[in-house]
Amino acid sequence: MDYTKILLRPVVTEKATMLRETTEQVTFYVDPKANKIEIGKAVEIAFKVKVEKVNVVTVKSRPRVKQGRVKGRIAGYRKAYVTLAKGDKIEFFEGV
């Protein structure tokens, strides 16, 4: 699988920003079919950094309930927390 199809977009939240600043971890929304090895290789190719560890979280879709009635679905997603080697940074996230 091509790395542009594995890494969908970066996660820009308060928690992701805190992790990036304190522990050399970056967070991405990834393709649900990608495994940890593919995600690690995609980050290394895309940003030319060394990946030490990849943790993955899968959130399943669920019904959207408003006023006691089901009004559709909330989409599921998959996030990857990628730990970079000491001293490596991704310049894409600087200033975000």
N, C-alpha and C. Protein backbone atom coordinates (compact mmCIF):
# COMPACT_ATOMS: atom_id res chain seq x y z
N MET A 1 0.85 -1.17 0.00
CA MET A 1 0.00 0.00 0.00
C MET A 1 0.90 1.24 0.00
N ASP A 2 0.52 2.24 -0.75
CA ASP A 2 1.28 3.49 -0.86
C ASP A 2 1.14 4.30 0.43
N TYR A 3 2.22 4.96 0.85
CA TYR A 3 2.17 5.70 2.13
C TYR A 3 1.18 6.85 2.11
N THR A 4 0.86 7.39 0.92
CA THR A 4 -0.11 8.48 0.87
C THR A 4 -1.52 7.98 1.14
N LYS A 5 -1.74 6.68 0.98
CA LYS A 5 -3.05 6.11 1.28
C LYS A 5 -3.13 5.58 2.71
N ILE A 6 -1.98 5.38 3.34
CA ILE A 6 -1.97 4.91 4.72
C ILE A 6 -2.17 6.07 5.69
N LEU A 7 -1.39 7.14 5.54
CA LEU A 7 -1.49 8.31 6.41
C LEU A 7 -2.56 9.24 5.84
N LEU A 8 -3.70 9.34 6.51
CA LEU A 8 -4.79 10.16 5.99
C LEU A 8 -4.62 11.63 6.33
N ARG A 9 -4.40 11.94 7.62
CA ARG A 9 -4.19 13.33 8.04
C ARG A 9 -3.65 13.33 9.47
N PRO A 10 -2.96 14.38 9.86
CA PRO A 10 -2.48 14.45 11.24
C PRO A 10 -3.62 14.80 12.20
N VAL A 11 -3.47 14.39 13.42
CA VAL A 11 -4.43 14.74 14.47
C VAL A 11 -3.93 16.02 15.12
N VAL A 12 -4.76 17.06 15.09
CA VAL A 12 -4.38 18.34 15.69
C VAL A 12 -5.36 18.61 16.83
N THR A 13 -5.02 18.09 18.00
CA THR A 13 -5.82 18.32 19.19
C THR A 13 -4.88 18.73 20.31
N GLU A 14 -5.46 19.08 21.44
CA GLU A 14 -4.66 19.51 22.58
C GLU A 14 -3.79 18.35 23.09
N LYS A 15 -4.35 17.16 23.16
CA LYS A 15 -3.60 15.99 23.63
C LYS A 15 -2.46 15.65 22.67
N ALA A 16 -2.73 15.68 21.36
CA ALA A 16 -1.70 15.36 20.37
C ALA A 16 -0.57 16.38 20.41
N THR A 17 -0.90 17.64 20.62
CA THR A 17 0.12 18.69 20.71
C THR A 17 0.98 18.50 21.96
N MET A 18 0.35 18.14 23.07
CA MET A 18 1.10 17.91 24.30
C MET A 18 2.05 16.71 24.14
N LEU A 19 1.57 15.63 23.52
CA LEU A 19 2.43 14.46 23.30
C LEU A 19 3.61 14.79 22.40
N ARG A 20 3.35 15.59 21.37
CA ARG A 20 4.42 15.95 20.44
C ARG A 20 5.50 16.76 21.13
N GLU A 21 5.12 17.66 22.03
CA GLU A 21 6.09 18.52 22.70
C GLU A 21 6.85 17.81 23.81
N THR A 22 6.22 16.85 24.49
CA THR A 22 6.87 16.24 25.65
C THR A 22 7.54 14.90 25.36
N THR A 23 7.01 14.09 24.43
CA THR A 23 7.49 12.72 24.31
C THR A 23 7.82 12.28 22.88
N GLU A 24 8.13 13.15 21.98
CA GLU A 24 8.49 12.79 20.59
C GLU A 24 7.47 11.86 19.93
N GLN A 25 6.19 12.00 20.28
CA GLN A 25 5.14 11.21 19.64
C GLN A 25 4.33 12.10 18.72
N VAL A 26 4.02 11.59 17.53
CA VAL A 26 3.12 12.29 16.63
C VAL A 26 1.93 11.38 16.38
N THR A 27 0.79 11.99 16.06
CA THR A 27 -0.45 11.25 15.93
C THR A 27 -1.05 11.48 14.55
N PHE A 28 -1.51 10.39 13.92
CA PHE A 28 -2.11 10.45 12.60
C PHE A 28 -3.40 9.66 12.57
N TYR A 29 -4.38 10.13 11.77
CA TYR A 29 -5.49 9.27 11.38
C TYR A 29 -4.96 8.41 10.25
N VAL A 30 -5.19 7.09 10.32
CA VAL A 30 -4.63 6.17 9.34
C VAL A 30 -5.74 5.31 8.72
N ASP A 31 -5.39 4.64 7.64
CA ASP A 31 -6.31 3.73 6.97
C ASP A 31 -6.64 2.57 7.91
N PRO A 32 -7.91 2.18 8.02
CA PRO A 32 -8.28 1.10 8.95
C PRO A 32 -7.67 -0.25 8.61
N LYS A 33 -7.24 -0.45 7.38
CA LYS A 33 -6.68 -1.74 6.97
C LYS A 33 -5.17 -1.82 7.16
N ALA A 34 -4.51 -0.71 7.48
CA ALA A 34 -3.05 -0.68 7.62
C ALA A 34 -2.64 -1.26 8.96
N ASN A 35 -1.51 -1.99 8.97
CA ASN A 35 -1.00 -2.53 10.23
C ASN A 35 0.14 -1.65 10.74
N LYS A 36 0.69 -2.00 11.92
CA LYS A 36 1.70 -1.17 12.55
C LYS A 36 2.97 -1.06 11.72
N ILE A 37 3.36 -2.14 11.09
CA ILE A 37 4.59 -2.13 10.28
C ILE A 37 4.44 -1.20 9.09
N GLU A 38 3.30 -1.27 8.40
CA GLU A 38 3.06 -0.39 7.26
C GLU A 38 3.00 1.07 7.69
N ILE A 39 2.38 1.34 8.83
CA ILE A 39 2.28 2.72 9.32
C ILE A 39 3.68 3.27 9.64
N GLY A 40 4.51 2.48 10.30
CA GLY A 40 5.87 2.91 10.63
C GLY A 40 6.69 3.20 9.39
N LYS A 41 6.61 2.32 8.39
CA LYS A 41 7.35 2.54 7.14
C LYS A 41 6.84 3.76 6.41
N ALA A 42 5.53 3.99 6.43
CA ALA A 42 4.96 5.15 5.75
C ALA A 42 5.47 6.45 6.37
N VAL A 43 5.55 6.50 7.70
CA VAL A 43 6.05 7.71 8.37
C VAL A 43 7.53 7.91 8.06
N GLU A 44 8.31 6.83 8.06
CA GLU A 44 9.74 6.95 7.75
C GLU A 44 9.96 7.44 6.33
N ILE A 45 9.19 6.95 5.37
CA ILE A 45 9.35 7.37 3.97
C ILE A 45 8.86 8.80 3.77
N ALA A 46 7.72 9.14 4.35
CA ALA A 46 7.12 10.45 4.12
C ALA A 46 7.92 11.59 4.75
N PHE A 47 8.44 11.37 5.96
CA PHE A 47 9.06 12.46 6.70
C PHE A 47 10.55 12.27 6.95
N LYS A 48 11.13 11.15 6.50
CA LYS A 48 12.56 10.87 6.63
C LYS A 48 13.03 10.96 8.08
N VAL A 49 12.34 10.22 8.95
CA VAL A 49 12.69 10.11 10.36
C VAL A 49 12.77 8.64 10.73
N LYS A 50 13.30 8.35 11.91
CA LYS A 50 13.40 6.98 12.40
C LYS A 50 12.27 6.72 13.39
N VAL A 51 11.47 5.68 13.13
CA VAL A 51 10.34 5.33 13.99
C VAL A 51 10.77 4.24 14.96
N GLU A 52 10.49 4.45 16.25
CA GLU A 52 10.83 3.44 17.26
C GLU A 52 9.64 2.54 17.59
N LYS A 53 8.45 3.12 17.71
CA LYS A 53 7.30 2.34 18.15
C LYS A 53 6.03 2.94 17.56
N VAL A 54 5.03 2.07 17.30
CA VAL A 54 3.73 2.51 16.79
C VAL A 54 2.65 1.87 17.65
N ASN A 55 1.76 2.70 18.19
CA ASN A 55 0.58 2.23 18.92
C ASN A 55 -0.65 2.64 18.12
N VAL A 56 -1.64 1.75 18.05
CA VAL A 56 -2.81 1.99 17.22
C VAL A 56 -4.07 1.90 18.07
N VAL A 57 -5.01 2.83 17.83
CA VAL A 57 -6.30 2.85 18.50
C VAL A 57 -7.39 2.81 17.44
N THR A 58 -8.33 1.86 17.56
CA THR A 58 -9.44 1.76 16.63
C THR A 58 -10.72 2.12 17.35
N VAL A 59 -11.47 3.11 16.82
CA VAL A 59 -12.73 3.53 17.40
C VAL A 59 -13.83 3.11 16.43
N LYS A 60 -14.76 2.28 16.90
CA LYS A 60 -15.83 1.78 16.05
C LYS A 60 -16.92 2.83 15.88
N SER A 61 -17.66 2.74 14.79
CA SER A 61 -18.76 3.66 14.57
C SER A 61 -19.89 3.32 15.53
N ARG A 62 -20.71 4.32 15.84
CA ARG A 62 -21.82 4.11 16.76
C ARG A 62 -23.00 4.96 16.34
N PRO A 63 -24.20 4.62 16.78
CA PRO A 63 -25.36 5.42 16.39
C PRO A 63 -25.36 6.79 17.07
N ARG A 64 -25.83 7.78 16.35
CA ARG A 64 -25.98 9.13 16.90
C ARG A 64 -27.39 9.24 17.45
N VAL A 65 -27.50 9.48 18.74
CA VAL A 65 -28.79 9.54 19.40
C VAL A 65 -29.04 10.97 19.85
N LYS A 66 -30.16 11.53 19.41
CA LYS A 66 -30.59 12.86 19.84
C LYS A 66 -32.04 12.79 20.27
N GLN A 67 -32.31 13.25 21.45
CA GLN A 67 -33.65 13.26 22.03
C GLN A 67 -34.25 11.86 22.04
N GLY A 68 -33.44 10.86 22.32
CA GLY A 68 -33.92 9.50 22.44
C GLY A 68 -34.13 8.77 21.14
N ARG A 69 -33.88 9.41 20.01
CA ARG A 69 -34.05 8.77 18.71
C ARG A 69 -32.72 8.64 17.98
N VAL A 70 -32.60 7.60 17.20
CA VAL A 70 -31.39 7.39 16.41
C VAL A 70 -31.48 8.27 15.17
N LYS A 71 -30.49 9.14 15.00
CA LYS A 71 -30.49 10.10 13.89
C LYS A 71 -29.32 9.88 12.94
N GLY A 72 -28.86 8.67 12.78
CA GLY A 72 -27.73 8.41 11.89
C GLY A 72 -26.60 7.72 12.63
N ARG A 73 -25.39 7.84 12.09
CA ARG A 73 -24.23 7.19 12.68
C ARG A 73 -23.06 8.16 12.80
N ILE A 74 -22.24 7.94 13.83
CA ILE A 74 -20.98 8.65 13.98
C ILE A 74 -19.91 7.74 13.38
N ALA A 75 -19.13 8.26 12.47
CA ALA A 75 -18.14 7.46 11.76
C ALA A 75 -17.05 6.95 12.69
N GLY A 76 -16.56 5.76 12.44
CA GLY A 76 -15.43 5.21 13.17
C GLY A 76 -14.13 5.67 12.52
N TYR A 77 -13.02 5.50 13.23
CA TYR A 77 -11.72 5.92 12.70
C TYR A 77 -10.62 5.11 13.37
N ARG A 78 -9.41 5.27 12.87
CA ARG A 78 -8.24 4.61 13.44
C ARG A 78 -7.12 5.63 13.57
N LYS A 79 -6.52 5.69 14.77
CA LYS A 79 -5.43 6.61 15.03
C LYS A 79 -4.17 5.83 15.32
N ALA A 80 -3.04 6.42 14.93
CA ALA A 80 -1.74 5.82 15.24
C ALA A 80 -0.89 6.83 16.00
N TYR A 81 -0.38 6.39 17.15
CA TYR A 81 0.57 7.19 17.92
C TYR A 81 1.96 6.67 17.57
N VAL A 82 2.76 7.49 16.89
CA VAL A 82 4.07 7.07 16.40
C VAL A 82 5.15 7.72 17.26
N THR A 83 5.99 6.88 17.89
CA THR A 83 7.10 7.37 18.70
C THR A 83 8.33 7.46 17.81
N LEU A 84 8.93 8.64 17.77
CA LEU A 84 10.11 8.88 16.95
C LEU A 84 11.37 8.66 17.77
N ALA A 85 12.49 8.45 17.09
CA ALA A 85 13.78 8.29 17.76
C ALA A 85 14.18 9.61 18.40
N LYS A 86 15.07 9.52 19.40
CA LYS A 86 15.54 10.73 20.10
C LYS A 86 16.14 11.72 19.11
N GLY A 87 15.72 12.97 19.21
CA GLY A 87 16.27 14.01 18.36
C GLY A 87 15.55 14.20 17.04
N ASP A 88 14.73 13.24 16.62
CA ASP A 88 14.00 13.39 15.36
C ASP A 88 12.74 14.21 15.60
N LYS A 89 12.45 15.07 14.65
CA LYS A 89 11.23 15.87 14.68
C LYS A 89 10.67 15.94 13.28
N ILE A 90 9.39 16.14 13.19
CA ILE A 90 8.74 16.32 11.90
C ILE A 90 8.45 17.81 11.75
N GLU A 91 9.09 18.44 10.79
CA GLU A 91 8.96 19.89 10.62
C GLU A 91 7.55 20.30 10.20
N PHE A 92 6.78 19.36 9.70
CA PHE A 92 5.40 19.62 9.28
C PHE A 92 4.56 20.14 10.43
N PHE A 93 4.85 19.70 11.66
CA PHE A 93 4.05 20.06 12.82
C PHE A 93 4.55 21.31 13.54
N GLU A 94 5.70 21.82 13.20
CA GLU A 94 6.23 22.98 13.91
C GLU A 94 5.35 24.20 13.65
N GLY A 95 4.96 24.88 14.73
CA GLY A 95 4.15 26.08 14.60
C GLY A 95 2.66 25.82 14.51
N VAL A 96 2.23 24.56 14.71
CA VAL A 96 0.80 24.22 14.64
C VAL A 96 0.21 24.39 16.01
